[in-house]
Amino acid sequence: MRVLVLGGDGYLGWPTAMSLSAHGHEVAVADNYLRRQIVTESGSDSLTPILNLPQRAKVWKAVSGRTIDVHLIDLCDYDLVSRVFREFQPEAVVHYGQIPSAPYSMKDRRHAVLTQMNNIENNLNVIFAIVENSPDCHLVKLGTMGEYGCPNIDIEEGFLEIEHKGRTDTLPFPKMPHSWYHASKVADSTNIHFASRVYGLRATDLNQGVVYGVSTDETLLDDGLLTRFDYDEQFGTALNRFCLQAVVGHPLTVYGTGGQTRGFLNIRDTLACVELALLNPADAGEMRVYNQFTESFSIRELAVEVQQAGKELGLEVEIREIENPRSEAQDHYYNPTHTKLLDLGLQPTLLSEDLVTATLSTLMTYRDRAIHDAIAPRTTWR
């Protein structure tokens, strides 16, 4: 299968490209290094040293014998996007290529506008590039569980059967995004659903939970294949942030009481979920929604997991509650359905499988690269 991975330089994009290539797919990646730029502007950097895309592709070729084509383009430039689609003629597109940070979008008006304009415009460009150049192409779009928020009812996978005044219909599950970033993803889902109904777009919307981990089968082959690892308050996900804090001797910063509960999955499961979606494509005119996570934890539960794993490695790990910079409920009901990927054959990688210890061990190799000023939260929702 010819697969175009958008955002192929990212934390998930690069491992996805290598995994698909290793499994025999013909892979191309596109990126404009925006993630690198804005992380640097925020005063942080990837903990792991990472090569640029052409260098990574060269190392991958030497290690695997397989080629990953590289396109350095801005997805907001439709002419360039359309050209890549015409030249590569993808059978499937994996779309990671957006600004993926709630705190970044909440810094101020400028960052909110940049996040929404970049994310919504480039997603529309991808939709039109498919419709105009590769109409049978399957779009696999990375959404987020954050689109739903934390309603006081069970969260279904994308759609909900509603009875109202004696009539019933199946409608998109109500969305309550909790940042300008998450609101941009809601707009993406709406636009993809519209394009499926109007243009016959094949689409799978992967509402992903919080990803953790640093290693995949392919990144372990050579240091030149490492993926990025963000730990700062804007781009570091909760468990990854805790792992870095543990190895550098920084208290684990639990926001508020730590009762906030979310869905989580290992980076390896992200790759597995994406390939399952690719191998089982949506029909023409169908938009499927999969809730992509394997386990749910509260933030305090995660902190305790990291603390215990740190002890096994001889680390003294302190858990410290700090004022929550976000406007959110710290204790709430949370029960999302997530069965569709399991039905397709996903074999979950569970947090209990010493994964935190393995991540800590890897991060200890690079802990001298940590920028300590980037760790503490500086962005507030107020």
Protein backbone atom coordinates (compact mmCIF):
# COMPACT_ATOMS: atom_id res chain seq x y z
CA MET A 1 0.00 0.00 0.00
CA ARG A 2 1.23 3.51 -0.82
CA VAL A 3 0.92 5.54 2.40
CA LEU A 4 1.62 9.24 2.83
CA VAL A 5 2.40 10.19 6.45
CA LEU A 6 1.79 13.87 7.14
CA GLY A 7 3.73 15.27 10.08
CA GLY A 8 6.33 12.60 9.39
CA ASP A 9 9.01 14.37 11.45
CA GLY A 10 6.99 14.18 14.66
CA TYR A 11 6.94 12.10 17.83
CA LEU A 12 4.39 9.72 16.27
CA GLY A 13 4.87 10.47 12.58
CA TRP A 14 8.44 9.23 12.21
CA PRO A 15 7.94 5.93 14.09
CA THR A 16 4.73 5.35 12.10
CA ALA A 17 6.57 5.87 8.81
CA MET A 18 9.32 3.41 9.77
CA SER A 19 6.87 0.81 11.07
CA LEU A 20 4.77 0.92 7.90
CA SER A 21 7.90 0.77 5.75
CA ALA A 22 9.22 -2.21 7.75
CA HIS A 23 5.90 -3.98 7.13
CA GLY A 24 6.29 -3.66 3.37
CA HIS A 25 4.29 -0.52 2.59
CA GLU A 26 5.56 2.14 0.19
CA VAL A 27 5.89 5.21 2.39
CA ALA A 28 6.38 8.94 1.86
CA VAL A 29 6.49 11.59 4.60
CA ALA A 30 5.76 15.30 4.55
CA ASP A 31 6.64 17.92 7.16
CA ASN A 32 7.73 21.55 7.47
CA TYR A 33 9.50 21.28 10.88
CA LEU A 34 6.92 23.58 12.50
CA ARG A 35 6.96 21.44 15.67
CA ARG A 36 10.73 21.90 15.98
CA GLN A 37 10.40 25.63 15.45
CA ILE A 38 7.71 26.31 18.02
CA VAL A 39 9.27 24.04 20.65
CA THR A 40 12.54 25.95 20.25
CA GLU A 41 10.68 29.26 20.47
CA SER A 42 9.10 28.01 23.70
CA GLY A 43 12.58 27.54 25.19
CA SER A 44 12.68 23.76 25.01
CA ASP A 45 14.00 20.97 22.78
CA SER A 46 13.64 17.25 22.26
CA LEU A 47 15.40 15.34 25.02
CA THR A 48 16.51 12.78 22.46
CA PRO A 49 18.88 14.06 19.76
CA ILE A 50 17.11 13.77 16.40
CA LEU A 51 18.34 14.06 12.84
CA ASN A 52 16.46 15.94 10.15
CA LEU A 53 14.16 14.01 7.83
CA PRO A 54 16.54 13.46 4.88
CA GLN A 55 19.20 12.24 7.31
CA ARG A 56 16.74 9.94 9.06
CA ALA A 57 15.58 8.51 5.74
CA LYS A 58 19.21 7.87 4.78
CA VAL A 59 19.86 5.99 8.03
CA TRP A 60 16.64 4.02 7.57
CA LYS A 61 17.72 3.03 4.06
CA ALA A 62 21.10 1.86 5.37
CA VAL A 63 19.55 -0.12 8.23
CA SER A 64 16.51 -1.61 6.50
CA GLY A 65 17.23 -1.44 2.80
CA ARG A 66 13.89 0.32 2.34
CA THR A 67 13.18 3.85 1.10
CA ILE A 68 11.05 6.55 2.71
CA ASP A 69 10.45 9.50 0.39
CA VAL A 70 10.73 12.92 2.03
CA HIS A 71 8.74 16.03 1.10
CA LEU A 72 9.51 19.23 3.01
CA ILE A 73 6.27 21.18 2.51
CA ASP A 74 3.82 23.30 4.48
CA LEU A 75 0.39 21.66 4.48
CA CYS A 76 -1.14 25.14 4.44
CA ASP A 77 0.27 25.62 0.91
CA TYR A 78 -2.35 23.88 -1.20
CA ASP A 79 -0.33 23.91 -4.44
CA LEU A 80 2.48 21.95 -2.76
CA VAL A 81 0.07 19.56 -1.06
CA SER A 82 -1.76 18.90 -4.30
CA ARG A 83 1.53 18.29 -6.14
CA VAL A 84 2.63 15.65 -3.62
CA PHE A 85 -0.71 13.88 -4.00
CA ARG A 86 -0.47 13.93 -7.79
CA GLU A 87 3.08 12.62 -7.78
CA PHE A 88 2.80 9.97 -5.05
CA GLN A 89 -0.85 8.94 -5.64
CA PRO A 90 -1.34 7.63 -2.09
CA GLU A 91 -3.81 4.88 -1.40
CA ALA A 92 -3.95 6.06 2.22
CA VAL A 93 -2.96 9.17 4.15
CA VAL A 94 -2.07 9.25 7.84
CA HIS A 95 -2.57 12.82 9.00
CA TYR A 96 -0.54 13.81 12.09
CA GLY A 97 0.62 17.15 10.68
CA GLN A 98 -0.87 19.65 13.10
CA ILE A 99 0.08 21.73 16.16
CA PRO A 100 -0.69 19.22 18.94
CA SER A 101 -0.71 21.25 22.14
CA ALA A 102 -3.54 22.49 24.32
CA PRO A 103 -1.26 24.71 26.48
CA TYR A 104 0.38 26.24 23.39
CA SER A 105 -3.04 27.19 22.02
CA MET A 106 -4.01 28.75 25.37
CA LYS A 107 -0.99 31.07 25.72
CA ASP A 108 -2.75 34.06 24.18
CA ARG A 109 -4.82 35.22 21.21
CA ARG A 110 -1.94 34.87 18.73
CA HIS A 111 -1.23 31.25 19.63
CA ALA A 112 -4.94 30.39 19.63
CA VAL A 113 -5.34 31.86 16.14
CA LEU A 114 -2.18 30.19 14.82
CA THR A 115 -3.26 26.80 16.15
CA GLN A 116 -6.75 27.01 14.68
CA MET A 117 -5.71 28.48 11.34
CA ASN A 118 -2.88 26.00 10.85
CA ASN A 119 -4.84 22.93 11.90
CA ILE A 120 -8.15 23.65 10.23
CA GLU A 121 -6.68 25.00 6.99
CA ASN A 122 -4.20 22.20 6.48
CA ASN A 123 -6.86 19.57 7.16
CA LEU A 124 -9.12 21.17 4.55
CA ASN A 125 -6.21 21.18 2.11
CA VAL A 126 -5.70 17.46 2.68
CA ILE A 127 -9.40 16.76 2.12
CA PHE A 128 -9.42 18.68 -1.17
CA ALA A 129 -6.13 17.13 -2.30
CA ILE A 130 -7.71 13.70 -1.86
CA VAL A 131 -10.95 14.65 -3.59
CA GLU A 132 -9.20 16.29 -6.54
CA ASN A 133 -6.21 13.97 -6.99
CA SER A 134 -6.75 10.62 -5.25
CA PRO A 135 -10.51 10.23 -4.75
CA ASP A 136 -10.33 6.60 -3.59
CA CYS A 137 -7.65 7.40 -0.98
CA HIS A 138 -8.43 6.54 2.65
CA LEU A 139 -7.82 9.36 5.14
CA VAL A 140 -6.70 8.22 8.59
CA LYS A 141 -6.84 11.36 10.71
CA LEU A 142 -5.44 11.71 14.21
CA GLY A 143 -8.12 13.22 16.39
CA THR A 144 -8.14 13.33 20.18
CA MET A 145 -10.21 12.07 23.08
CA GLY A 146 -10.07 15.68 24.24
CA GLU A 147 -12.75 16.52 21.69
CA TYR A 148 -15.33 14.91 23.98
CA GLY A 149 -14.28 16.61 27.19
CA CYS A 150 -15.48 14.88 30.37
CA PRO A 151 -19.28 14.62 30.15
CA ASN A 152 -21.20 13.06 33.02
CA ILE A 153 -22.33 10.19 30.75
CA ASP A 154 -20.55 7.31 29.02
CA ILE A 155 -18.63 8.40 25.91
CA GLU A 156 -19.43 6.37 22.81
CA GLU A 157 -17.14 5.89 19.81
CA GLY A 158 -17.98 8.90 17.73
CA PHE A 159 -21.74 8.56 17.40
CA LEU A 160 -24.75 8.37 19.70
CA GLU A 161 -28.30 7.18 19.05
CA ILE A 162 -30.64 9.89 20.33
CA GLU A 163 -34.38 9.81 20.92
CA HIS A 164 -36.00 13.23 21.06
CA LYS A 165 -39.72 13.99 21.08
CA GLY A 166 -40.58 10.57 19.73
CA ARG A 167 -38.01 10.51 16.94
CA THR A 168 -34.58 8.86 16.85
CA ASP A 169 -31.37 9.45 14.92
CA THR A 170 -27.70 8.54 15.14
CA LEU A 171 -25.67 11.71 15.47
CA PRO A 172 -22.08 12.68 16.28
CA PHE A 173 -21.43 12.42 20.00
CA PRO A 174 -21.61 15.91 21.60
CA LYS A 175 -18.21 17.59 21.84
CA MET A 176 -16.98 19.74 24.73
CA PRO A 177 -13.37 20.66 23.86
CA HIS A 178 -11.32 22.18 26.63
CA SER A 179 -8.77 24.24 24.71
CA TRP A 180 -8.47 26.12 21.43
CA TYR A 181 -6.39 23.17 20.18
CA HIS A 182 -9.10 20.64 20.98
CA ALA A 183 -11.67 22.94 19.40
CA SER A 184 -9.63 22.87 16.17
CA LYS A 185 -9.80 19.07 16.21
CA VAL A 186 -13.58 19.22 16.64
CA ALA A 187 -13.72 21.43 13.54
CA ASP A 188 -11.58 18.87 11.69
CA SER A 189 -13.96 16.05 12.63
CA THR A 190 -16.95 18.12 11.47
CA ASN A 191 -15.25 18.91 8.15
CA ILE A 192 -14.22 15.30 7.55
CA HIS A 193 -17.74 14.08 8.30
CA PHE A 194 -19.13 16.68 5.89
CA ALA A 195 -16.68 15.66 3.14
CA SER A 196 -17.61 12.01 3.60
CA ARG A 197 -21.30 12.79 3.14
CA VAL A 198 -20.84 15.20 0.23
CA TYR A 199 -17.74 13.98 -1.64
CA GLY A 200 -17.72 10.31 -0.72
CA LEU A 201 -14.48 10.63 1.27
CA ARG A 202 -13.23 7.44 2.95
CA ALA A 203 -12.17 8.45 6.46
CA THR A 204 -11.22 7.06 9.85
CA ASP A 205 -11.02 9.54 12.72
CA LEU A 206 -8.77 8.19 15.49
CA ASN A 207 -9.68 9.89 18.74
CA GLN A 208 -6.42 9.19 20.51
CA GLY A 209 -5.72 9.29 24.22
CA VAL A 210 -2.48 10.47 25.80
CA VAL A 211 0.57 8.70 24.35
CA TYR A 212 3.63 7.71 26.37
CA GLY A 213 6.92 5.96 25.69
CA VAL A 214 9.99 6.60 23.60
CA SER A 215 10.99 3.33 21.91
CA THR A 216 9.60 1.22 19.08
CA ASP A 217 11.10 -1.78 17.31
CA GLU A 218 12.49 0.51 14.63
CA THR A 219 13.87 3.34 16.80
CA LEU A 220 15.94 0.72 18.67
CA LEU A 221 17.80 -0.28 15.50
CA ASP A 222 20.04 2.80 15.37
CA ASP A 223 20.40 6.03 17.38
CA GLY A 224 19.94 7.91 14.12
CA LEU A 225 16.34 6.64 14.04
CA LEU A 226 15.30 8.05 17.42
CA THR A 227 12.01 9.89 17.60
CA ARG A 228 11.65 13.16 19.45
CA PHE A 229 10.76 13.23 23.15
CA ASP A 230 9.14 16.37 24.53
CA TYR A 231 8.90 16.98 28.25
CA ASP A 232 8.10 20.68 28.56
CA GLU A 233 4.77 21.97 29.86
CA GLN A 234 3.45 22.70 26.36
CA PHE A 235 4.36 19.66 24.28
CA GLY A 236 5.24 16.98 26.82
CA THR A 237 2.36 14.60 27.54
CA ALA A 238 1.60 13.85 31.21
CA LEU A 239 3.37 10.52 31.68
CA ASN A 240 6.36 11.48 29.51
CA ARG A 241 6.70 14.68 31.52
CA PHE A 242 6.68 12.74 34.79
CA CYS A 243 9.31 10.33 33.49
CA LEU A 244 11.68 13.16 32.60
CA GLN A 245 11.09 14.87 35.93
CA ALA A 246 11.93 11.63 37.72
CA VAL A 247 15.29 11.12 35.99
CA VAL A 248 16.46 14.72 36.51
CA GLY A 249 15.42 14.92 40.15
CA HIS A 250 12.53 17.34 39.66
CA PRO A 251 9.35 16.78 41.71
CA LEU A 252 6.52 15.26 39.70
CA THR A 253 4.19 18.20 39.07
CA VAL A 254 0.67 16.95 39.71
CA TYR A 255 -1.86 19.62 38.74
CA GLY A 256 -4.24 20.18 41.64
CA THR A 257 -5.20 16.98 43.44
CA GLY A 258 -4.47 14.84 40.36
CA GLY A 259 -7.95 13.39 40.08
CA GLN A 260 -8.19 14.22 36.38
CA THR A 261 -8.71 10.95 34.49
CA ARG A 262 -7.80 10.31 30.87
CA GLY A 263 -7.21 7.45 28.44
CA PHE A 264 -3.58 6.44 27.75
CA LEU A 265 -1.69 4.22 25.32
CA ASN A 266 1.88 3.24 24.60
CA ILE A 267 3.52 4.63 21.47
CA ARG A 268 3.78 1.09 20.10
CA ASP A 269 0.00 0.77 20.26
CA THR A 270 -0.41 3.99 18.28
CA LEU A 271 1.50 2.36 15.43
CA ALA A 272 -0.57 -0.81 15.70
CA CYS A 273 -3.86 1.12 15.73
CA VAL A 274 -2.93 3.16 12.66
CA GLU A 275 -1.96 0.07 10.67
CA LEU A 276 -5.15 -1.74 11.70
CA ALA A 277 -7.14 1.23 10.40
CA LEU A 278 -5.16 1.19 7.14
CA LEU A 279 -5.59 -2.54 6.60
CA ASN A 280 -9.34 -2.28 7.24
CA PRO A 281 -10.28 0.85 5.29
CA ALA A 282 -13.52 2.78 5.51
CA ASP A 283 -15.99 2.50 2.66
CA ALA A 284 -16.54 5.35 0.22
CA GLY A 285 -18.68 7.96 1.94
CA GLU A 286 -18.04 6.50 5.40
CA MET A 287 -16.48 8.28 8.34
CA ARG A 288 -15.58 5.90 11.16
CA VAL A 289 -14.55 7.02 14.63
CA TYR A 290 -12.33 4.87 16.83
CA ASN A 291 -11.51 5.82 20.42
CA GLN A 292 -7.80 5.02 20.46
CA PHE A 293 -6.53 4.25 23.96
CA THR A 294 -5.97 1.13 26.03
CA GLU A 295 -6.22 2.11 29.71
CA SER A 296 -7.53 4.94 31.88
CA PHE A 297 -5.63 6.48 34.80
CA SER A 298 -5.86 9.53 36.97
CA ILE A 299 -2.88 11.87 36.95
CA ARG A 300 -2.08 10.96 40.55
CA GLU A 301 -2.11 7.24 39.67
CA LEU A 302 0.42 7.93 36.93
CA ALA A 303 2.64 9.86 39.33
CA VAL A 304 2.63 6.92 41.75
CA GLU A 305 3.53 4.52 38.90
CA VAL A 306 6.53 6.69 38.00
CA GLN A 307 7.55 7.02 41.63
CA GLN A 308 7.54 3.24 42.10
CA ALA A 309 9.43 2.65 38.85
CA GLY A 310 12.00 5.25 39.91
CA LYS A 311 12.61 3.41 43.17
CA GLU A 312 13.47 0.27 41.21
CA LEU A 313 16.22 2.27 39.49
CA GLY A 314 17.47 3.88 42.70
CA LEU A 315 15.86 7.25 42.03
CA GLU A 316 14.35 9.40 44.78
CA VAL A 317 11.09 10.62 43.25
CA GLU A 318 8.94 13.23 45.00
CA ILE A 319 5.31 13.86 44.07
CA ARG A 320 4.24 17.47 44.51
CA GLU A 321 0.77 18.90 44.04
CA ILE A 322 0.82 22.36 42.47
CA GLU A 323 -1.90 24.84 41.63
CA ASN A 324 -3.69 23.67 38.51
CA PRO A 325 -2.94 26.10 35.66
CA ARG A 326 -5.94 24.77 33.74
CA SER A 327 -9.65 25.42 34.25
CA GLU A 328 -10.88 21.85 34.58
CA ALA A 329 -12.73 19.53 36.93
CA GLN A 330 -10.22 17.63 39.03
CA ASP A 331 -12.64 14.84 39.93
CA HIS A 332 -15.16 13.71 37.36
CA TYR A 333 -16.91 10.78 35.72
CA TYR A 334 -14.98 9.24 32.83
CA ASN A 335 -16.05 6.08 31.02
CA PRO A 336 -15.31 6.08 27.27
CA THR A 337 -16.05 3.09 25.06
CA HIS A 338 -13.03 1.77 23.15
CA THR A 339 -13.87 -1.57 21.56
CA LYS A 340 -13.62 -1.08 17.80
CA LEU A 341 -9.82 -1.35 17.55
CA LEU A 342 -9.86 -4.34 19.92
CA ASP A 343 -12.39 -5.95 17.58
CA LEU A 344 -9.94 -5.41 14.69
CA GLY A 345 -7.26 -7.30 16.63
CA LEU A 346 -5.38 -4.76 18.73
CA GLN A 347 -3.28 -6.47 21.41
CA PRO A 348 -2.87 -3.75 24.07
CA THR A 349 0.52 -2.94 25.55
CA LEU A 350 -0.27 -2.33 29.22
CA LEU A 351 1.44 0.11 31.55
CA SER A 352 2.01 -2.69 34.06
CA GLU A 353 4.48 -4.38 31.69
CA ASP A 354 7.47 -2.47 33.18
CA LEU A 355 7.08 0.17 30.49
CA VAL A 356 7.64 3.09 32.85
CA THR A 357 10.90 1.53 34.06
CA ALA A 358 12.02 0.96 30.47
CA THR A 359 11.25 4.57 29.56
CA LEU A 360 13.09 5.89 32.60
CA SER A 361 16.14 3.78 31.71
CA THR A 362 16.20 5.22 28.20
CA LEU A 363 15.77 8.80 29.37
CA MET A 364 18.64 8.49 31.83
CA THR A 365 20.95 8.23 28.82
CA TYR A 366 19.93 11.71 27.66
CA ARG A 367 19.02 13.47 30.91
CA ASP A 368 21.95 15.89 30.65
CA ARG A 369 20.19 17.40 27.62
CA ALA A 370 17.18 18.49 29.70
CA ILE A 371 16.42 22.21 29.81
CA HIS A 372 15.23 22.62 33.38
CA ASP A 373 13.64 26.03 32.84
CA ALA A 374 11.18 24.41 30.40
CA ILE A 375 9.75 21.92 32.90
CA ALA A 376 7.48 23.97 35.17
CA PRO A 377 4.07 25.07 33.82
CA ARG A 378 3.89 28.68 32.71
CA THR A 379 0.68 28.72 30.67
CA THR A 380 -2.64 29.29 32.43
CA TRP A 381 -6.18 28.95 31.12
CA ARG A 382 -7.29 32.16 32.84
